[in-house]
Protein backbone atom coordinates (compact mmCIF):
# COMPACT_ATOMS: atom_id res chain seq x y z
CA UNK A 1 65.56 104.04 61.47
CA UNK A 2 64.83 106.92 63.82
CA UNK A 3 62.41 104.71 65.74
CA UNK A 4 65.20 102.19 66.41
CA UNK A 5 67.60 104.91 67.56
CA UNK A 6 64.91 106.37 69.81
CA UNK A 7 64.39 102.96 71.39
CA UNK A 8 68.13 102.65 72.01
CA UNK A 9 68.19 106.01 73.74
CA UNK A 10 65.37 104.93 76.05
CA UNK A 11 67.21 101.71 76.96
CA UNK A 12 70.51 103.52 77.50
CA UNK A 13 68.85 106.08 79.77
CA UNK A 14 67.22 103.32 81.82
CA UNK A 15 70.53 101.48 82.18
CA UNK A 16 72.34 104.64 83.23
CA UNK A 17 69.77 105.52 85.88
CA UNK A 18 69.77 102.00 87.33
CA UNK A 19 73.56 102.07 87.59
CA UNK A 20 73.38 105.31 89.61
CA UNK A 21 70.94 103.86 92.15
CA UNK A 22 73.18 100.84 92.96
CA UNK A 23 74.19 100.25 96.56
CA UNK A 24 77.43 101.94 97.51
CA UNK A 25 79.99 100.14 99.66
CA UNK A 26 80.34 101.42 103.20
CA UNK A 27 83.93 102.76 103.46
CA UNK A 28 84.15 101.92 107.16
CA UNK A 29 83.75 98.22 106.36
CA UNK A 30 86.49 98.32 103.71
CA UNK A 31 89.06 100.12 105.83
CA UNK A 32 90.65 97.14 107.62
CA UNK A 33 89.80 94.04 105.66
CA UNK A 34 91.59 91.74 103.25
CA UNK A 35 94.84 93.12 101.85
CA UNK A 36 94.39 96.39 103.75
CA UNK A 37 94.42 94.75 107.18
CA UNK A 38 97.73 94.90 109.09
CA UNK A 39 98.87 91.39 110.04
CA UNK A 40 101.97 90.01 111.79
CA UNK A 41 104.94 89.37 109.48
CA UNK A 42 108.02 87.16 109.52
CA UNK A 43 111.26 88.41 111.09
CA UNK A 44 112.81 88.94 107.62
CA UNK A 45 109.88 91.09 106.47
CA UNK A 46 109.83 92.90 109.82
CA UNK A 47 113.49 93.83 109.36
CA UNK A 48 112.79 95.06 105.81
CA UNK A 49 109.70 97.19 106.55
CA UNK A 50 110.59 98.20 110.11
CA UNK A 51 107.29 97.08 111.65
CA UNK A 52 106.01 93.88 113.23
CA UNK A 53 102.59 94.28 111.54
CA UNK A 54 101.84 95.69 108.11
CA UNK A 55 99.20 95.28 105.42
CA UNK A 56 100.03 93.54 102.15
CA UNK A 57 99.58 96.77 100.23
CA UNK A 58 101.80 98.58 102.72
CA UNK A 59 104.55 95.98 102.30
CA UNK A 60 104.40 96.19 98.51
CA UNK A 61 104.57 99.97 98.76
CA UNK A 62 107.71 99.77 100.96
CA UNK A 63 109.30 97.31 98.52
CA UNK A 64 108.64 99.64 95.58
CA UNK A 65 110.04 102.61 97.53
CA UNK A 66 113.24 100.58 98.06
CA UNK A 67 113.37 99.55 94.39
CA UNK A 68 112.99 103.14 93.20
CA UNK A 69 115.41 104.58 95.79
CA UNK A 70 118.23 102.21 94.80
CA UNK A 71 117.29 102.08 91.07
CA UNK A 72 116.90 98.31 91.04
CA UNK A 73 114.68 98.10 87.96
CA UNK A 74 116.41 96.81 84.86
CA UNK A 75 116.63 99.90 82.59
CA UNK A 76 116.06 97.87 79.41
CA UNK A 77 113.24 95.73 80.85
CA UNK A 78 111.40 97.69 83.56
CA UNK A 79 109.34 94.61 84.50
CA UNK A 80 112.49 92.99 85.88
CA UNK A 81 113.78 93.85 89.36
CA UNK A 82 117.42 93.19 90.24
CA UNK A 83 117.63 92.13 93.89
CA UNK A 84 120.12 93.62 96.33
CA UNK A 85 120.88 91.92 99.65
CA UNK A 86 117.82 93.41 101.37
CA UNK A 87 115.44 92.18 98.68
CA UNK A 88 117.14 88.78 98.56
CA UNK A 89 116.29 88.35 102.25
CA UNK A 90 112.55 88.46 101.46
CA UNK A 91 112.59 86.99 97.94
CA UNK A 92 114.54 83.83 98.84
CA UNK A 93 118.03 84.73 97.54
CA UNK A 94 116.83 85.28 93.97
CA UNK A 95 119.04 87.45 91.77
CA UNK A 96 116.08 88.99 89.93
CA UNK A 97 112.29 88.86 90.07
CA UNK A 98 109.50 89.95 87.78
CA UNK A 99 107.36 92.83 88.99
CA UNK A 100 104.26 90.65 88.80
CA UNK A 101 105.86 88.03 91.10
CA UNK A 102 106.30 90.36 94.08
CA UNK A 103 102.89 89.71 95.65
CA UNK A 104 103.35 85.94 95.35
CA UNK A 105 106.88 86.01 96.77
CA UNK A 106 105.98 88.06 99.85
CA UNK A 107 102.94 85.95 100.69
CA UNK A 108 104.82 83.46 102.92
CA UNK A 109 106.03 86.36 105.09
CA UNK A 110 102.50 87.12 106.32
CA UNK A 111 101.63 85.02 109.36
CA UNK A 112 98.06 83.76 109.30
CA UNK A 113 96.13 84.25 112.54
CA UNK A 114 95.18 81.00 114.29
């Protein structure tokens, strides 16, 4: 039994050391790519966030700041967001949205570069 446990320790140590030597991502390459890259937005989104270009993560952050500031989360079901007039302008006049729908609903507001 001790021989089996000793073998497991050797394998675990080898796996741990190989994980440490893995290539690390260069932070400079990650800074402005994908959802972190500021892109032009629609006039409705521009009016909401106050900028003509913003990253997707930045837009979601601004939306959540607005939701928290005006207490728009349903107190009984925190996953549900009740839309005021400002949110309706970017969510297509919906009365309420699920928190997991936000990224999908703001997607049309980001203008793809040609």
